[in-house]
């Protein structure tokens, strides 16, 4: 699996928008969160690792790590690096 495929298939739930804002301690709109995720997924310096049932997509540039379910491509959370 590569970043382009994840970028095309990533999906969001209502809960994940709240979780992202809470974990990053910011208040972004839904489109802004989706733009952040797409920016991380399109960055050439982003790394991806599959551990178990999740992809861990890390961006040193933006200092965040996306956790994406490998089965349904739902964004689970975003962690600060």
PDB file of N, CA and C in Angstrom:
ATOM      1  N   UNK A   1       0.860  -1.185   0.000  1.00  0.00           N
ATOM      2  CA  UNK A   1       0.000   0.000   0.000  1.00  0.00           C
ATOM      3  C   UNK A   1       0.899   1.238   0.000  1.00  0.00           C
ATOM      4  N   UNK A   2       0.542   2.207  -0.822  1.00  0.00           N
ATOM      5  CA  UNK A   2       1.323   3.436  -0.833  1.00  0.00           C
ATOM      6  C   UNK A   2       0.452   4.629  -0.429  1.00  0.00           C
ATOM      7  N   UNK A   3       1.099   5.754  -0.243  1.00  0.00           N
ATOM      8  CA  UNK A   3       0.415   6.956   0.249  1.00  0.00           C
ATOM      9  C   UNK A   3      -0.677   7.432  -0.702  1.00  0.00           C
ATOM     10  N   UNK A   4      -0.464   7.308  -2.007  1.00  0.00           N
ATOM     11  CA  UNK A   4      -1.467   7.754  -2.978  1.00  0.00           C
ATOM     12  C   UNK A   4      -2.753   6.949  -2.844  1.00  0.00           C
ATOM     13  N   UNK A   5      -2.619   5.644  -2.638  1.00  0.00           N
ATOM     14  CA  UNK A   5      -3.801   4.797  -2.476  1.00  0.00           C
ATOM     15  C   UNK A   5      -4.544   5.142  -1.190  1.00  0.00           C
ATOM     16  N   UNK A   6      -3.821   5.371  -0.121  1.00  0.00           N
ATOM     17  CA  UNK A   6      -4.457   5.755   1.142  1.00  0.00           C
ATOM     18  C   UNK A   6      -5.136   7.111   0.975  1.00  0.00           C
ATOM     19  N   UNK A   7      -4.477   8.034   0.306  1.00  0.00           N
ATOM     20  CA  UNK A   7      -5.026   9.373   0.082  1.00  0.00           C
ATOM     21  C   UNK A   7      -6.364   9.319  -0.634  1.00  0.00           C
ATOM     22  N   UNK A   8      -6.479   8.447  -1.609  1.00  0.00           N
ATOM     23  CA  UNK A   8      -7.722   8.320  -2.373  1.00  0.00           C
ATOM     24  C   UNK A   8      -8.832   7.656  -1.575  1.00  0.00           C
ATOM     25  N   UNK A   9      -8.479   6.787  -0.644  1.00  0.00           N
ATOM     26  CA  UNK A   9      -9.478   5.959   0.033  1.00  0.00           C
ATOM     27  C   UNK A   9      -9.785   6.377   1.468  1.00  0.00           C
ATOM     28  N   UNK A  10      -8.999   7.282   2.043  1.00  0.00           N
ATOM     29  CA  UNK A  10      -9.195   7.653   3.446  1.00  0.00           C
ATOM     30  C   UNK A  10     -10.602   8.212   3.667  1.00  0.00           C
ATOM     31  N   UNK A  11     -11.212   7.814   4.793  1.00  0.00           N
ATOM     32  CA  UNK A  11     -12.549   8.296   5.139  1.00  0.00           C
ATOM     33  C   UNK A  11     -12.553   8.757   6.591  1.00  0.00           C
ATOM     34  N   UNK A  12     -13.612   9.448   6.955  1.00  0.00           N
ATOM     35  CA  UNK A  12     -13.682  10.095   8.261  1.00  0.00           C
ATOM     36  C   UNK A  12     -15.024   9.784   8.922  1.00  0.00           C
ATOM     37  N   UNK A  13     -15.041   9.764  10.249  1.00  0.00           N
ATOM     38  CA  UNK A  13     -16.289   9.658  11.002  1.00  0.00           C
ATOM     39  C   UNK A  13     -16.476  10.971  11.757  1.00  0.00           C
ATOM     40  N   UNK A  14     -17.668  11.203  12.239  1.00  0.00           N
ATOM     41  CA  UNK A  14     -17.924  12.416  13.025  1.00  0.00           C
ATOM     42  C   UNK A  14     -17.014  12.464  14.250  1.00  0.00           C
ATOM     43  N   UNK A  15     -16.840  11.326  14.885  1.00  0.00           N
ATOM     44  CA  UNK A  15     -16.031  11.267  16.107  1.00  0.00           C
ATOM     45  C   UNK A  15     -14.572  11.632  15.851  1.00  0.00           C
ATOM     46  N   UNK A  16     -14.042  11.256  14.698  1.00  0.00           N
ATOM     47  CA  UNK A  16     -12.621  11.493  14.444  1.00  0.00           C
ATOM     48  C   UNK A  16     -12.308  12.988  14.338  1.00  0.00           C
ATOM     49  N   UNK A  17     -13.231  13.788  13.831  1.00  0.00           N
ATOM     50  CA  UNK A  17     -12.985  15.236  13.762  1.00  0.00           C
ATOM     51  C   UNK A  17     -12.773  15.798  15.167  1.00  0.00           C
ATOM     52  N   UNK A  18     -13.621  15.387  16.089  1.00  0.00           N
ATOM     53  CA  UNK A  18     -13.490  15.840  17.484  1.00  0.00           C
ATOM     54  C   UNK A  18     -12.186  15.323  18.092  1.00  0.00           C
ATOM     55  N   UNK A  19     -11.859  14.069  17.807  1.00  0.00           N
ATOM     56  CA  UNK A  19     -10.651  13.455  18.362  1.00  0.00           C
ATOM     57  C   UNK A  19      -9.396  14.168  17.869  1.00  0.00           C
ATOM     58  N   UNK A  20      -9.357  14.511  16.590  1.00  0.00           N
ATOM     59  CA  UNK A  20      -8.188  15.198  16.028  1.00  0.00           C
ATOM     60  C   UNK A  20      -7.995  16.543  16.719  1.00  0.00           C
ATOM     61  N   UNK A  21      -9.063  17.318  16.847  1.00  0.00           N
ATOM     62  CA  UNK A  21      -8.951  18.616  17.513  1.00  0.00           C
ATOM     63  C   UNK A  21      -8.492  18.464  18.957  1.00  0.00           C
ATOM     64  N   UNK A  22      -8.999  17.463  19.644  1.00  0.00           N
ATOM     65  CA  UNK A  22      -8.619  17.243  21.041  1.00  0.00           C
ATOM     66  C   UNK A  22      -7.154  16.816  21.154  1.00  0.00           C
ATOM     67  N   UNK A  23      -6.740  15.856  20.319  1.00  0.00           N
ATOM     68  CA  UNK A  23      -5.377  15.331  20.407  1.00  0.00           C
ATOM     69  C   UNK A  23      -4.327  16.372  20.021  1.00  0.00           C
ATOM     70  N   UNK A  24      -4.656  17.224  19.041  1.00  0.00           N
ATOM     71  CA  UNK A  24      -3.699  18.246  18.611  1.00  0.00           C
ATOM     72  C   UNK A  24      -3.869  19.557  19.359  1.00  0.00           C
ATOM     73  N   UNK A  25      -4.893  19.611  20.210  1.00  0.00           N
ATOM     74  CA  UNK A  25      -5.176  20.802  21.016  1.00  0.00           C
ATOM     75  C   UNK A  25      -5.371  22.038  20.133  1.00  0.00           C
ATOM     76  N   UNK A  26      -6.195  21.862  19.084  1.00  0.00           N
ATOM     77  CA  UNK A  26      -6.526  22.941  18.155  1.00  0.00           C
ATOM     78  C   UNK A  26      -8.013  22.871  17.851  1.00  0.00           C
ATOM     79  N   UNK A  27      -8.506  23.823  17.104  1.00  0.00           N
ATOM     80  CA  UNK A  27      -9.917  23.838  16.715  1.00  0.00           C
ATOM     81  C   UNK A  27     -10.007  24.055  15.207  1.00  0.00           C
ATOM     82  N   UNK A  28      -9.921  22.954  14.465  1.00  0.00           N
ATOM     83  CA  UNK A  28      -9.995  23.016  13.010  1.00  0.00           C
ATOM     84  C   UNK A  28     -11.378  22.586  12.532  1.00  0.00           C
ATOM     85  N   UNK A  29     -11.801  23.133  11.407  1.00  0.00           N
ATOM     86  CA  UNK A  29     -13.061  22.722  10.788  1.00  0.00           C
ATOM     87  C   UNK A  29     -12.855  21.369  10.104  1.00  0.00           C
ATOM     88  N   UNK A  30     -13.955  20.734   9.730  1.00  0.00           N
ATOM     89  CA  UNK A  30     -13.858  19.448   9.026  1.00  0.00           C
ATOM     90  C   UNK A  30     -13.039  19.566   7.744  1.00  0.00           C
ATOM     91  N   UNK A  31     -13.304  20.576   6.884  1.00  0.00           N
ATOM     92  CA  UNK A  31     -12.479  20.702   5.671  1.00  0.00           C
ATOM     93  C   UNK A  31     -10.994  20.951   5.974  1.00  0.00           C
ATOM     94  N   UNK A  32     -10.708  21.666   7.055  1.00  0.00           N
ATOM     95  CA  UNK A  32      -9.314  21.936   7.415  1.00  0.00           C
ATOM     96  C   UNK A  32      -8.613  20.657   7.874  1.00  0.00           C
ATOM     97  N   UNK A  33      -9.322  19.809   8.612  1.00  0.00           N
ATOM     98  CA  UNK A  33      -8.748  18.533   9.045  1.00  0.00           C
ATOM     99  C   UNK A  33      -8.484  17.649   7.825  1.00  0.00           C
ATOM    100  N   UNK A  34      -9.441  17.603   6.911  1.00  0.00           N
ATOM    101  CA  UNK A  34      -9.264  16.804   5.694  1.00  0.00           C
ATOM    102  C   UNK A  34      -8.103  17.334   4.859  1.00  0.00           C
ATOM    103  N   UNK A  35      -7.944  18.652   4.812  1.00  0.00           N
ATOM    104  CA  UNK A  35      -6.821  19.255   4.078  1.00  0.00           C
ATOM    105  C   UNK A  35      -5.490  18.900   4.734  1.00  0.00           C
ATOM    106  N   UNK A  36      -5.447  18.900   6.066  1.00  0.00           N
ATOM    107  CA  UNK A  36      -4.239  18.517   6.795  1.00  0.00           C
ATOM    108  C   UNK A  36      -3.870  17.071   6.469  1.00  0.00           C
ATOM    109  N   UNK A  37      -4.842  16.192   6.506  1.00  0.00           N
ATOM    110  CA  UNK A  37      -4.598  14.776   6.211  1.00  0.00           C
ATOM    111  C   UNK A  37      -4.080  14.611   4.784  1.00  0.00           C
ATOM    112  N   UNK A  38      -4.698  15.282   3.830  1.00  0.00           N
ATOM    113  CA  UNK A  38      -4.248  15.186   2.437  1.00  0.00           C
ATOM    114  C   UNK A  38      -2.845  15.770   2.266  1.00  0.00           C
ATOM    115  N   UNK A  39      -2.551  16.849   2.996  1.00  0.00           N
ATOM    116  CA  UNK A  39      -1.216  17.449   2.917  1.00  0.00           C
ATOM    117  C   UNK A  39      -0.158  16.478   3.434  1.00  0.00           C
ATOM    118  N   UNK A  40      -0.459  15.802   4.533  1.00  0.00           N
ATOM    119  CA  UNK A  40       0.480  14.812   5.083  1.00  0.00           C
ATOM    120  C   UNK A  40       0.665  13.665   4.091  1.00  0.00           C
ATOM    121  N   UNK A  41      -0.430  13.190   3.522  1.00  0.00           N
ATOM    122  CA  UNK A  41      -0.362  12.053   2.600  1.00  0.00           C
ATOM    123  C   UNK A  41       0.323  12.391   1.276  1.00  0.00           C
ATOM    124  N   UNK A  42       0.354  13.656   0.908  1.00  0.00           N
ATOM    125  CA  UNK A  42       0.986  14.038  -0.361  1.00  0.00           C
ATOM    126  C   UNK A  42       2.418  14.553  -0.192  1.00  0.00           C
ATOM    127  N   UNK A  43       2.886  14.655   1.027  1.00  0.00           N
ATOM    128  CA  UNK A  43       4.236  15.148   1.314  1.00  0.00           C
ATOM    129  C   UNK A  43       5.268  14.067   0.981  1.00  0.00           C
ATOM    130  N   UNK A  44       6.287  14.449   0.256  1.00  0.00           N
ATOM    131  CA  UNK A  44       7.325  13.497  -0.172  1.00  0.00           C
ATOM    132  C   UNK A  44       8.139  12.950   0.999  1.00  0.00           C
ATOM    133  N   UNK A  45       8.190  13.678   2.116  1.00  0.00           N
ATOM    134  CA  UNK A  45       8.988  13.228   3.260  1.00  0.00           C
ATOM    135  C   UNK A  45       8.194  12.348   4.228  1.00  0.00           C
ATOM    136  N   UNK A  46       6.925  12.143   3.957  1.00  0.00           N
ATOM    137  CA  UNK A  46       6.070  11.329   4.829  1.00  0.00           C
ATOM    138  C   UNK A  46       6.474   9.860   4.745  1.00  0.00           C
ATOM    139  N   UNK A  47       6.480   9.191   5.900  1.00  0.00           N
ATOM    140  CA  UNK A  47       6.793   7.760   5.947  1.00  0.00           C
ATOM    141  C   UNK A  47       5.545   6.982   6.353  1.00  0.00           C
ATOM    142  N   UNK A  48       5.493   5.728   5.935  1.00  0.00           N
ATOM    143  CA  UNK A  48       4.346   4.878   6.247  1.00  0.00           C
ATOM    144  C   UNK A  48       4.837   3.534   6.768  1.00  0.00           C
ATOM    145  N   UNK A  49       4.144   3.030   7.784  1.00  0.00           N
ATOM    146  CA  UNK A  49       4.487   1.738   8.359  1.00  0.00           C
ATOM    147  C   UNK A  49       3.192   1.027   8.720  1.00  0.00           C
ATOM    148  N   UNK A  50       3.098  -0.235   8.371  1.00  0.00           N
ATOM    149  CA  UNK A  50       1.923  -1.007   8.770  1.00  0.00           C
ATOM    150  C   UNK A  50       2.289  -1.839   9.992  1.00  0.00           C
ATOM    151  N   UNK A  51       1.514  -1.655  11.055  1.00  0.00           N
ATOM    152  CA  UNK A  51       1.668  -2.447  12.272  1.00  0.00           C
ATOM    153  C   UNK A  51       0.302  -3.036  12.589  1.00  0.00           C
ATOM    154  N   UNK A  52       0.184  -4.346  12.482  1.00  0.00           N
ATOM    155  CA  UNK A  52      -1.092  -4.995  12.757  1.00  0.00           C
ATOM    156  C   UNK A  52      -2.150  -4.551  11.767  1.00  0.00           C
ATOM    157  N   UNK A  53      -3.268  -4.055  12.289  1.00  0.00           N
ATOM    158  CA  UNK A  53      -4.381  -3.669  11.415  1.00  0.00           C
ATOM    159  C   UNK A  53      -4.387  -2.196  11.057  1.00  0.00           C
ATOM    160  N   UNK A  54      -3.324  -1.464  11.376  1.00  0.00           N
ATOM    161  CA  UNK A  54      -3.286  -0.026  11.125  1.00  0.00           C
ATOM    162  C   UNK A  54      -2.060   0.393  10.325  1.00  0.00           C
ATOM    163  N   UNK A  55      -2.230   1.495   9.595  1.00  0.00           N
ATOM    164  CA  UNK A  55      -1.107   2.190   8.970  1.00  0.00           C
ATOM    165  C   UNK A  55      -0.759   3.377   9.853  1.00  0.00           C
ATOM    166  N   UNK A  56       0.525   3.568  10.089  1.00  0.00           N
ATOM    167  CA  UNK A  56       1.019   4.722  10.838  1.00  0.00           C
ATOM    168  C   UNK A  56       1.773   5.599   9.838  1.00  0.00           C
ATOM    169  N   UNK A  57       1.202   6.754   9.553  1.00  0.00           N
ATOM    170  CA  UNK A  57       1.730   7.662   8.538  1.00  0.00           C
ATOM    171  C   UNK A  57       2.316   8.870   9.265  1.00  0.00           C
ATOM    172  N   UNK A  58       3.631   9.016   9.219  1.00  0.00           N
ATOM    173  CA  UNK A  58       4.314  10.054   9.990  1.00  0.00           C
ATOM    174  C   UNK A  58       4.861  11.153   9.101  1.00  0.00           C
ATOM    175  N   UNK A  59       4.634  12.386   9.529  1.00  0.00           N
ATOM    176  CA  UNK A  59       5.154  13.552   8.829  1.00  0.00           C
ATOM    177  C   UNK A  59       6.013  14.366   9.792  1.00  0.00           C
ATOM    178  N   UNK A  60       7.321  14.314   9.580  1.00  0.00           N
ATOM    179  CA  UNK A  60       8.233  15.096  10.410  1.00  0.00           C
ATOM    180  C   UNK A  60       8.027  16.583  10.131  1.00  0.00           C
ATOM    181  N   UNK A  61       7.718  16.925   8.883  1.00  0.00           N
ATOM    182  CA  UNK A  61       7.498  18.315   8.488  1.00  0.00           C
ATOM    183  C   UNK A  61       6.379  18.953   9.311  1.00  0.00           C
ATOM    184  N   UNK A  62       5.271  18.230   9.454  1.00  0.00           N
ATOM    185  CA  UNK A  62       4.105  18.767  10.170  1.00  0.00           C
ATOM    186  C   UNK A  62       4.028  18.290  11.613  1.00  0.00           C
ATOM    187  N   UNK A  63       4.968  17.431  12.017  1.00  0.00           N
ATOM    188  CA  UNK A  63       5.039  16.923  13.383  1.00  0.00           C
ATOM    189  C   UNK A  63       3.775  16.194  13.818  1.00  0.00           C
ATOM    190  N   UNK A  64       3.198  15.406  12.913  1.00  0.00           N
ATOM    191  CA  UNK A  64       2.010  14.617  13.242  1.00  0.00           C
ATOM    192  C   UNK A  64       2.148  13.201  12.700  1.00  0.00           C
ATOM    193  N   UNK A  65       1.381  12.298  13.301  1.00  0.00           N
ATOM    194  CA  UNK A  65       1.298  10.918  12.835  1.00  0.00           C
ATOM    195  C   UNK A  65      -0.178  10.578  12.676  1.00  0.00           C
ATOM    196  N   UNK A  66      -0.554  10.139  11.483  1.00  0.00           N
ATOM    197  CA  UNK A  66      -1.915   9.696  11.223  1.00  0.00           C
ATOM    198  C   UNK A  66      -1.992   8.203  11.513  1.00  0.00           C
ATOM    199  N   UNK A  67      -3.088   7.774  12.111  1.00  0.00           N
ATOM    200  CA  UNK A  67      -3.333   6.345  12.299  1.00  0.00           C
ATOM    201  C   UNK A  67      -4.567   6.016  11.473  1.00  0.00           C
ATOM    202  N   UNK A  68      -4.376   5.144  10.469  1.00  0.00           N
ATOM    203  CA  UNK A  68      -5.437   4.804   9.516  1.00  0.00           C
ATOM    204  C   UNK A  68      -5.670   3.297   9.562  1.00  0.00           C
ATOM    205  N   UNK A  69      -6.931   2.888   9.683  1.00  0.00           N
ATOM    206  CA  UNK A  69      -7.287   1.479   9.681  1.00  0.00           C
ATOM    207  C   UNK A  69      -6.952   0.888   8.306  1.00  0.00           C
ATOM    208  N   UNK A  70      -6.239  -0.240   8.293  1.00  0.00           N
ATOM    209  CA  UNK A  70      -5.798  -0.848   7.034  1.00  0.00           C
ATOM    210  C   UNK A  70      -6.932  -1.563   6.305  1.00  0.00           C
ATOM    211  N   UNK A  71      -7.994  -1.913   7.010  1.00  0.00           N
ATOM    212  CA  UNK A  71      -9.088  -2.637   6.382  1.00  0.00           C
ATOM    213  C   UNK A  71     -10.080  -1.739   5.668  1.00  0.00           C
ATOM    214  N   UNK A  72     -10.475  -0.649   6.321  1.00  0.00           N
ATOM    215  CA  UNK A  72     -11.509   0.224   5.741  1.00  0.00           C
ATOM    216  C   UNK A  72     -11.007   1.640   5.449  1.00  0.00           C
ATOM    217  N   UNK A  73      -9.739   1.913   5.744  1.00  0.00           N
ATOM    218  CA  UNK A  73      -9.091   3.201   5.466  1.00  0.00           C
ATOM    219  C   UNK A  73      -9.730   4.375   6.215  1.00  0.00           C
ATOM    220  N   UNK A  74     -10.342   4.113   7.353  1.00  0.00           N
ATOM    221  CA  UNK A  74     -10.866   5.200   8.172  1.00  0.00           C
ATOM    222  C   UNK A  74      -9.734   5.784   9.004  1.00  0.00           C
ATOM    223  N   UNK A  75      -9.727   7.093   9.069  1.00  0.00           N
ATOM    224  CA  UNK A  75      -8.782   7.775   9.945  1.00  0.00           C
ATOM    225  C   UNK A  75      -9.201   7.489  11.381  1.00  0.00           C
ATOM    226  N   UNK A  76      -8.293   6.984  12.194  1.00  0.00           N
ATOM    227  CA  UNK A  76      -8.605   6.659  13.581  1.00  0.00           C
ATOM    228  C   UNK A  76      -8.275   7.837  14.475  1.00  0.00           C
ATOM    229  N   UNK A  77      -7.059   8.367  14.327  1.00  0.00           N
ATOM    230  CA  UNK A  77      -6.637   9.499  15.143  1.00  0.00           C
ATOM    231  C   UNK A  77      -5.415  10.144  14.518  1.00  0.00           C
ATOM    232  N   UNK A  78      -5.018  11.272  15.083  1.00  0.00           N
ATOM    233  CA  UNK A  78      -3.797  11.974  14.703  1.00  0.00           C
ATOM    234  C   UNK A  78      -3.030  12.254  15.991  1.00  0.00           C
ATOM    235  N   UNK A  79      -1.756  11.848  16.023  1.00  0.00           N
ATOM    236  CA  UNK A  79      -0.932  12.085  17.196  1.00  0.00           C
ATOM    237  C   UNK A  79       0.142  13.123  16.893  1.00  0.00           C
ATOM    238  N   UNK A  80       0.528  13.876  17.922  1.00  0.00           N
ATOM    239  CA  UNK A  80       1.677  14.778  17.781  1.00  0.00           C
ATOM    240  C   UNK A  80       2.948  13.953  17.854  1.00  0.00           C
ATOM    241  N   UNK A  81       3.940  14.360  17.084  1.00  0.00           N
ATOM    242  CA  UNK A  81       5.251  13.691  17.145  1.00  0.00           C
ATOM    243  C   UNK A  81       6.177  14.461  18.062  1.00  0.00           C
TER     244      UNK A  81
END
